[in-house]
Amino acid sequence: MALEADMGITLEDIQKFGNQSIPETNTYAIDWVNGRLSGKINGMEALRQYIYKTLKTECNRYLIYDMDMGTGIKALVGQGIVSREYLEADIPRLVKKALKDKRILGVHDFVFYYPDDERNAVQISFVVDTIYGTTDQEVTI
C-alpha cells in the first residue's frame, strides 16, 4: 500500500484514527477567479484549498509567510533548463515536503502533463490521503 511505503502508516493505524472525532478547521473560501474571499469552508474543501494554495505559492517569496510555506517548483520549471526526467523525480519530493499539514496522511500517484502552448509549465496530478478520505488534486505551475 502506498501509505505504508510513504509514511510508515498501516491500514490498521488509519482505521484507529478513523474512529476518533476530527476537529473542524474553518477558514475563508478563496474565490480564485475574482480574487476575493467568499464565505467560510471546512473539512475536505478547506484542505483542498490549502493544498492548492500551498503549491501555487513560491517559497521564500512573500514576507507574510514563514520559510516553510510553499514550494520551489515554479523556479525549477521556470528555468527551462531542467530535464523533464529531473522534474518528475524532484517534484514529488517538493510536494510532500510542502504539504506538512497534520490532516494529510500521504501523497502519491503523481502524473505529469506538459501543455504544448506553455514552454515553462507543468500540470501535476496526484492523490492525497487525508483524515477526511482520499482526494485527487491537480495544479498547473
N, C-alpha and C. Protein backbone atom coordinates (compact mmCIF):
# COMPACT_ATOMS: atom_id res chain seq x y z
N MET A 1 0.84 -1.19 0.00
CA MET A 1 0.00 0.00 0.00
C MET A 1 0.88 1.25 0.00
N ALA A 2 0.47 2.27 -0.74
CA ALA A 2 1.28 3.48 -0.89
C ALA A 2 1.51 4.19 0.43
N LEU A 3 0.51 4.20 1.31
CA LEU A 3 0.67 4.89 2.59
C LEU A 3 1.78 4.25 3.42
N GLU A 4 1.82 2.94 3.41
CA GLU A 4 2.84 2.25 4.20
C GLU A 4 4.23 2.58 3.69
N ALA A 5 4.40 2.63 2.38
CA ALA A 5 5.71 2.91 1.81
C ALA A 5 6.12 4.36 2.04
N ASP A 6 5.17 5.28 1.94
CA ASP A 6 5.49 6.70 2.04
C ASP A 6 5.71 7.16 3.47
N MET A 7 4.89 6.71 4.40
CA MET A 7 4.91 7.32 5.72
C MET A 7 4.97 6.32 6.87
N GLY A 8 5.00 5.04 6.58
CA GLY A 8 5.03 4.05 7.63
C GLY A 8 3.70 3.89 8.34
N ILE A 9 2.62 4.33 7.71
CA ILE A 9 1.29 4.22 8.29
C ILE A 9 0.63 2.97 7.73
N THR A 10 0.06 2.18 8.60
CA THR A 10 -0.62 0.96 8.16
C THR A 10 -2.11 1.20 8.07
N LEU A 11 -2.80 0.28 7.42
CA LEU A 11 -4.25 0.38 7.32
C LEU A 11 -4.89 0.34 8.70
N GLU A 12 -4.30 -0.42 9.61
CA GLU A 12 -4.80 -0.50 10.98
C GLU A 12 -4.71 0.86 11.68
N ASP A 13 -3.61 1.60 11.44
CA ASP A 13 -3.46 2.94 12.02
C ASP A 13 -4.56 3.87 11.51
N ILE A 14 -4.85 3.79 10.23
CA ILE A 14 -5.87 4.65 9.64
C ILE A 14 -7.24 4.32 10.21
N GLN A 15 -7.54 3.02 10.37
CA GLN A 15 -8.82 2.62 10.92
C GLN A 15 -8.97 3.09 12.37
N LYS A 16 -7.89 3.02 13.15
CA LYS A 16 -7.93 3.51 14.53
C LYS A 16 -8.20 5.00 14.56
N PHE A 17 -7.52 5.73 13.66
CA PHE A 17 -7.70 7.17 13.59
C PHE A 17 -9.11 7.51 13.13
N GLY A 18 -9.65 6.69 12.23
CA GLY A 18 -10.98 6.94 11.70
C GLY A 18 -12.07 6.90 12.75
N ASN A 19 -11.83 6.24 13.87
CA ASN A 19 -12.81 6.17 14.94
C ASN A 19 -12.79 7.40 15.84
N GLN A 20 -11.80 8.26 15.69
CA GLN A 20 -11.69 9.46 16.50
C GLN A 20 -12.47 10.60 15.85
N SER A 21 -12.89 11.55 16.65
CA SER A 21 -13.56 12.71 16.08
C SER A 21 -12.52 13.65 15.48
N ILE A 22 -12.89 14.26 14.39
CA ILE A 22 -11.99 15.15 13.67
C ILE A 22 -12.41 16.59 13.94
N PRO A 23 -11.51 17.40 14.51
CA PRO A 23 -11.88 18.79 14.76
C PRO A 23 -12.03 19.54 13.43
N GLU A 24 -13.07 20.33 13.33
CA GLU A 24 -13.29 21.10 12.10
C GLU A 24 -12.34 22.29 12.03
N THR A 25 -11.83 22.54 10.86
CA THR A 25 -10.95 23.67 10.62
C THR A 25 -11.70 24.64 9.72
N ASN A 26 -12.20 25.71 10.26
CA ASN A 26 -12.91 26.72 9.48
C ASN A 26 -11.90 27.71 8.92
N THR A 27 -12.10 28.07 7.67
CA THR A 27 -11.25 29.06 7.03
C THR A 27 -12.07 29.80 5.98
N TYR A 28 -11.55 30.90 5.52
CA TYR A 28 -12.25 31.65 4.48
C TYR A 28 -12.06 30.98 3.13
N ALA A 29 -13.12 30.91 2.34
CA ALA A 29 -13.06 30.37 0.99
C ALA A 29 -12.48 31.43 0.07
N ILE A 30 -11.54 31.01 -0.77
CA ILE A 30 -10.94 31.94 -1.72
C ILE A 30 -11.61 31.76 -3.07
N ASP A 31 -12.11 32.85 -3.60
CA ASP A 31 -12.67 32.87 -4.96
C ASP A 31 -11.51 33.19 -5.89
N TRP A 32 -10.90 32.17 -6.47
CA TRP A 32 -9.69 32.34 -7.28
C TRP A 32 -9.95 33.15 -8.54
N VAL A 33 -11.16 33.06 -9.09
CA VAL A 33 -11.49 33.77 -10.33
C VAL A 33 -11.57 35.28 -10.10
N ASN A 34 -12.29 35.68 -9.04
CA ASN A 34 -12.49 37.10 -8.78
C ASN A 34 -11.50 37.69 -7.79
N GLY A 35 -10.65 36.85 -7.20
CA GLY A 35 -9.61 37.35 -6.30
C GLY A 35 -10.13 37.92 -5.00
N ARG A 36 -11.11 37.25 -4.39
CA ARG A 36 -11.64 37.74 -3.12
C ARG A 36 -12.09 36.57 -2.24
N LEU A 37 -12.36 36.87 -0.99
CA LEU A 37 -12.85 35.86 -0.06
C LEU A 37 -14.36 35.76 -0.20
N SER A 38 -14.87 34.53 -0.08
CA SER A 38 -16.31 34.35 -0.27
C SER A 38 -16.85 33.30 0.69
N GLY A 39 -17.16 33.71 1.90
CA GLY A 39 -17.74 32.80 2.87
C GLY A 39 -16.69 31.98 3.60
N LYS A 40 -17.15 30.92 4.26
CA LYS A 40 -16.25 30.05 5.02
C LYS A 40 -16.41 28.62 4.55
N ILE A 41 -15.33 27.85 4.70
CA ILE A 41 -15.33 26.44 4.36
C ILE A 41 -14.63 25.66 5.45
N ASN A 42 -14.81 24.34 5.46
CA ASN A 42 -14.12 23.49 6.43
C ASN A 42 -13.96 22.09 5.83
N GLY A 43 -13.39 21.19 6.60
CA GLY A 43 -13.25 19.80 6.19
C GLY A 43 -12.41 19.63 4.94
N MET A 44 -12.84 18.72 4.09
CA MET A 44 -12.10 18.38 2.87
C MET A 44 -11.96 19.59 1.95
N GLU A 45 -12.99 20.40 1.85
CA GLU A 45 -12.94 21.58 0.98
C GLU A 45 -11.84 22.54 1.44
N ALA A 46 -11.72 22.76 2.73
CA ALA A 46 -10.68 23.63 3.27
C ALA A 46 -9.30 23.02 3.05
N LEU A 47 -9.19 21.72 3.19
CA LEU A 47 -7.90 21.06 2.97
C LEU A 47 -7.49 21.11 1.51
N ARG A 48 -8.43 20.92 0.60
CA ARG A 48 -8.12 21.02 -0.85
C ARG A 48 -7.63 22.44 -1.19
N GLN A 49 -8.26 23.45 -0.58
CA GLN A 49 -7.83 24.83 -0.81
C GLN A 49 -6.42 25.04 -0.27
N TYR A 50 -6.13 24.50 0.92
CA TYR A 50 -4.79 24.60 1.50
C TYR A 50 -3.74 23.99 0.57
N ILE A 51 -4.04 22.82 0.03
CA ILE A 51 -3.10 22.13 -0.85
C ILE A 51 -2.83 22.98 -2.09
N TYR A 52 -3.89 23.45 -2.73
CA TYR A 52 -3.75 24.26 -3.94
C TYR A 52 -2.96 25.53 -3.65
N LYS A 53 -3.33 26.22 -2.59
CA LYS A 53 -2.66 27.49 -2.23
C LYS A 53 -1.19 27.27 -1.90
N THR A 54 -0.89 26.20 -1.18
CA THR A 54 0.49 25.90 -0.82
C THR A 54 1.33 25.63 -2.05
N LEU A 55 0.80 24.86 -2.98
CA LEU A 55 1.58 24.51 -4.16
C LEU A 55 1.71 25.66 -5.16
N LYS A 56 0.78 26.59 -5.15
CA LYS A 56 0.86 27.75 -6.03
C LYS A 56 1.75 28.86 -5.45
N THR A 57 2.09 28.76 -4.17
CA THR A 57 2.91 29.77 -3.51
C THR A 57 4.38 29.41 -3.64
N GLU A 58 5.16 30.33 -4.13
CA GLU A 58 6.60 30.13 -4.24
C GLU A 58 7.26 30.40 -2.89
N CYS A 59 8.06 29.45 -2.42
CA CYS A 59 8.67 29.60 -1.09
C CYS A 59 9.67 30.76 -1.07
N ASN A 60 9.78 31.38 0.08
CA ASN A 60 10.70 32.49 0.33
C ASN A 60 10.45 33.70 -0.57
N ARG A 61 9.24 33.84 -1.06
CA ARG A 61 8.96 34.98 -1.93
C ARG A 61 8.12 36.06 -1.24
N TYR A 62 7.27 35.64 -0.31
CA TYR A 62 6.35 36.57 0.32
C TYR A 62 6.67 36.68 1.81
N LEU A 63 6.84 37.90 2.30
CA LEU A 63 7.20 38.13 3.69
C LEU A 63 6.12 37.68 4.66
N ILE A 64 4.88 37.62 4.22
CA ILE A 64 3.79 37.24 5.11
C ILE A 64 3.89 35.78 5.55
N TYR A 65 4.56 34.94 4.75
CA TYR A 65 4.68 33.51 5.07
C TYR A 65 6.04 33.19 5.67
N ASP A 66 6.06 32.15 6.51
CA ASP A 66 7.35 31.72 7.05
C ASP A 66 8.12 30.94 5.99
N MET A 67 9.32 30.54 6.33
CA MET A 67 10.23 29.88 5.38
C MET A 67 9.72 28.53 4.91
N ASP A 68 8.78 27.93 5.63
CA ASP A 68 8.30 26.60 5.29
C ASP A 68 7.10 26.61 4.34
N MET A 69 6.51 27.76 4.09
CA MET A 69 5.31 27.83 3.25
C MET A 69 5.68 27.83 1.78
N GLY A 70 5.03 27.00 0.99
CA GLY A 70 5.21 26.99 -0.45
C GLY A 70 6.23 25.97 -0.92
N THR A 71 6.49 26.04 -2.23
CA THR A 71 7.45 25.13 -2.86
C THR A 71 8.40 25.91 -3.76
N GLY A 72 9.39 25.24 -4.26
CA GLY A 72 10.32 25.83 -5.22
C GLY A 72 10.08 25.31 -6.62
N ILE A 73 8.89 24.78 -6.87
CA ILE A 73 8.60 24.16 -8.16
C ILE A 73 8.60 25.19 -9.29
N LYS A 74 8.00 26.35 -9.06
CA LYS A 74 7.92 27.36 -10.12
C LYS A 74 9.30 27.79 -10.58
N ALA A 75 10.20 27.99 -9.66
CA ALA A 75 11.57 28.37 -10.02
C ALA A 75 12.25 27.27 -10.81
N LEU A 76 12.01 26.04 -10.44
CA LEU A 76 12.61 24.89 -11.11
C LEU A 76 12.08 24.76 -12.54
N VAL A 77 10.77 24.87 -12.69
CA VAL A 77 10.14 24.75 -14.01
C VAL A 77 10.47 25.97 -14.86
N GLY A 78 10.45 27.16 -14.25
CA GLY A 78 10.67 28.40 -14.98
C GLY A 78 12.05 28.55 -15.57
N GLN A 79 13.03 27.81 -15.06
CA GLN A 79 14.38 27.89 -15.60
C GLN A 79 14.44 27.40 -17.04
N GLY A 80 13.62 26.40 -17.35
CA GLY A 80 13.60 25.86 -18.70
C GLY A 80 14.83 25.04 -19.06
N ILE A 81 15.73 24.85 -18.11
CA ILE A 81 16.95 24.11 -18.41
C ILE A 81 16.99 22.73 -17.75
N VAL A 82 16.01 22.48 -16.90
CA VAL A 82 15.96 21.21 -16.19
C VAL A 82 15.17 20.21 -17.03
N SER A 83 15.67 19.00 -17.14
CA SER A 83 15.01 17.98 -17.95
C SER A 83 13.69 17.55 -17.31
N ARG A 84 12.81 17.01 -18.13
CA ARG A 84 11.53 16.51 -17.62
C ARG A 84 11.75 15.35 -16.66
N GLU A 85 12.75 14.57 -16.92
CA GLU A 85 13.06 13.43 -16.03
C GLU A 85 13.43 13.94 -14.63
N TYR A 86 14.22 15.00 -14.60
CA TYR A 86 14.61 15.58 -13.31
C TYR A 86 13.38 16.14 -12.59
N LEU A 87 12.54 16.88 -13.34
CA LEU A 87 11.32 17.44 -12.74
C LEU A 87 10.44 16.35 -12.15
N GLU A 88 10.25 15.27 -12.90
CA GLU A 88 9.36 14.21 -12.46
C GLU A 88 9.94 13.42 -11.28
N ALA A 89 11.23 13.50 -11.09
CA ALA A 89 11.85 12.87 -9.93
C ALA A 89 11.83 13.79 -8.71
N ASP A 90 11.96 15.11 -8.92
CA ASP A 90 12.09 16.05 -7.81
C ASP A 90 10.76 16.64 -7.34
N ILE A 91 9.81 16.81 -8.24
CA ILE A 91 8.53 17.44 -7.85
C ILE A 91 7.80 16.66 -6.77
N PRO A 92 7.70 15.32 -6.84
CA PRO A 92 7.02 14.62 -5.74
C PRO A 92 7.67 14.89 -4.38
N ARG A 93 8.98 14.99 -4.34
CA ARG A 93 9.68 15.29 -3.08
C ARG A 93 9.31 16.69 -2.59
N LEU A 94 9.29 17.65 -3.50
CA LEU A 94 8.95 19.03 -3.12
C LEU A 94 7.50 19.15 -2.64
N VAL A 95 6.59 18.44 -3.30
CA VAL A 95 5.17 18.47 -2.91
C VAL A 95 5.00 17.87 -1.52
N LYS A 96 5.60 16.71 -1.29
CA LYS A 96 5.48 16.06 0.03
C LYS A 96 6.10 16.91 1.13
N LYS A 97 7.20 17.58 0.81
CA LYS A 97 7.85 18.45 1.79
C LYS A 97 6.96 19.65 2.14
N ALA A 98 6.27 20.20 1.15
CA ALA A 98 5.43 21.38 1.36
C ALA A 98 4.13 21.06 2.10
N LEU A 99 3.60 19.86 1.88
CA LEU A 99 2.30 19.50 2.45
C LEU A 99 2.49 18.79 3.79
N LYS A 100 2.85 19.56 4.80
CA LYS A 100 3.16 19.01 6.12
C LYS A 100 1.98 19.08 7.09
N ASP A 101 0.81 19.39 6.60
CA ASP A 101 -0.35 19.53 7.46
C ASP A 101 -0.70 18.20 8.13
N LYS A 102 -1.09 18.24 9.38
CA LYS A 102 -1.39 17.02 10.13
C LYS A 102 -2.62 16.29 9.61
N ARG A 103 -3.42 16.96 8.79
CA ARG A 103 -4.59 16.31 8.19
C ARG A 103 -4.24 15.44 6.99
N ILE A 104 -3.01 15.58 6.49
CA ILE A 104 -2.56 14.83 5.31
C ILE A 104 -1.79 13.59 5.75
N LEU A 105 -2.24 12.43 5.29
CA LEU A 105 -1.62 11.16 5.66
C LEU A 105 -0.62 10.68 4.62
N GLY A 106 -0.81 11.02 3.36
CA GLY A 106 0.10 10.57 2.31
C GLY A 106 -0.21 11.24 0.99
N VAL A 107 0.81 11.30 0.12
CA VAL A 107 0.68 11.88 -1.21
C VAL A 107 1.35 10.91 -2.18
N HIS A 108 0.64 10.54 -3.26
CA HIS A 108 1.19 9.53 -4.17
C HIS A 108 0.53 9.59 -5.54
N ASP A 109 0.94 8.70 -6.42
CA ASP A 109 0.41 8.55 -7.78
C ASP A 109 0.50 9.85 -8.60
N PHE A 110 1.70 10.37 -8.72
CA PHE A 110 1.92 11.60 -9.47
C PHE A 110 1.84 11.33 -10.98
N VAL A 111 1.19 12.25 -11.70
CA VAL A 111 1.12 12.21 -13.16
C VAL A 111 1.46 13.61 -13.64
N PHE A 112 2.28 13.69 -14.69
CA PHE A 112 2.74 14.98 -15.20
C PHE A 112 2.25 15.18 -16.62
N TYR A 113 1.87 16.42 -16.93
CA TYR A 113 1.45 16.79 -18.28
C TYR A 113 2.10 18.13 -18.59
N TYR A 114 2.63 18.24 -19.79
CA TYR A 114 3.30 19.47 -20.20
C TYR A 114 2.49 20.13 -21.31
N PRO A 115 1.81 21.24 -21.00
CA PRO A 115 0.99 21.92 -22.01
C PRO A 115 1.82 22.35 -23.21
N ASP A 116 1.30 22.09 -24.41
CA ASP A 116 2.03 22.42 -25.64
C ASP A 116 2.26 23.91 -25.81
N ASP A 117 1.28 24.71 -25.39
CA ASP A 117 1.38 26.15 -25.61
C ASP A 117 2.18 26.87 -24.53
N GLU A 118 2.57 26.16 -23.47
CA GLU A 118 3.36 26.79 -22.41
C GLU A 118 4.67 26.04 -22.24
N ARG A 119 5.74 26.67 -22.60
CA ARG A 119 7.05 26.04 -22.56
C ARG A 119 7.54 25.81 -21.13
N ASN A 120 7.24 26.73 -20.25
CA ASN A 120 7.75 26.65 -18.88
C ASN A 120 6.65 26.36 -17.87
N ALA A 121 5.85 25.34 -18.15
CA ALA A 121 4.76 24.98 -17.23
C ALA A 121 4.64 23.46 -17.16
N VAL A 122 4.12 23.01 -16.03
CA VAL A 122 3.84 21.59 -15.85
C VAL A 122 2.54 21.47 -15.07
N GLN A 123 1.70 20.56 -15.51
CA GLN A 123 0.46 20.25 -14.80
C GLN A 123 0.71 18.98 -14.01
N ILE A 124 0.45 19.04 -12.72
CA ILE A 124 0.73 17.93 -11.82
C ILE A 124 -0.59 17.42 -11.26
N SER A 125 -0.83 16.13 -11.40
CA SER A 125 -2.00 15.48 -10.79
C SER A 125 -1.47 14.45 -9.81
N PHE A 126 -2.15 14.32 -8.67
CA PHE A 126 -1.72 13.35 -7.68
C PHE A 126 -2.88 13.04 -6.74
N VAL A 127 -2.70 12.02 -5.92
CA VAL A 127 -3.71 11.59 -4.96
C VAL A 127 -3.22 11.95 -3.56
N VAL A 128 -4.14 12.47 -2.74
CA VAL A 128 -3.81 12.83 -1.36
C VAL A 128 -4.72 12.02 -0.44
N ASP A 129 -4.11 11.27 0.47
CA ASP A 129 -4.85 10.56 1.51
C ASP A 129 -4.91 11.47 2.72
N THR A 130 -6.12 11.75 3.19
CA THR A 130 -6.32 12.69 4.29
C THR A 130 -7.15 12.05 5.40
N ILE A 131 -7.28 12.74 6.49
CA ILE A 131 -8.12 12.24 7.58
C ILE A 131 -9.59 12.27 7.19
N TYR A 132 -9.94 13.00 6.13
CA TYR A 132 -11.32 13.08 5.66
C TYR A 132 -11.62 12.04 4.57
N GLY A 133 -10.59 11.42 4.04
CA GLY A 133 -10.72 10.49 2.92
C GLY A 133 -9.67 10.79 1.87
N THR A 134 -9.86 10.25 0.70
CA THR A 134 -8.90 10.43 -0.39
C THR A 134 -9.44 11.45 -1.39
N THR A 135 -8.55 12.28 -1.92
CA THR A 135 -8.94 13.27 -2.91
C THR A 135 -7.89 13.35 -4.01
N ASP A 136 -8.34 13.64 -5.21
CA ASP A 136 -7.44 13.88 -6.33
C ASP A 136 -7.16 15.38 -6.39
N GLN A 137 -5.93 15.73 -6.64
CA GLN A 137 -5.55 17.14 -6.75
C GLN A 137 -4.88 17.37 -8.09
N GLU A 138 -5.02 18.58 -8.59
CA GLU A 138 -4.38 18.96 -9.83
C GLU A 138 -4.00 20.43 -9.75
N VAL A 139 -2.79 20.73 -10.17
CA VAL A 139 -2.32 22.12 -10.17
C VAL A 139 -1.36 22.31 -11.33
N THR A 140 -1.45 23.48 -11.96
CA THR A 140 -0.53 23.83 -13.03
C THR A 140 0.44 24.88 -12.52
N ILE A 141 1.71 24.60 -12.70
CA ILE A 141 2.75 25.53 -12.23
C ILE A 141 3.63 25.88 -13.41
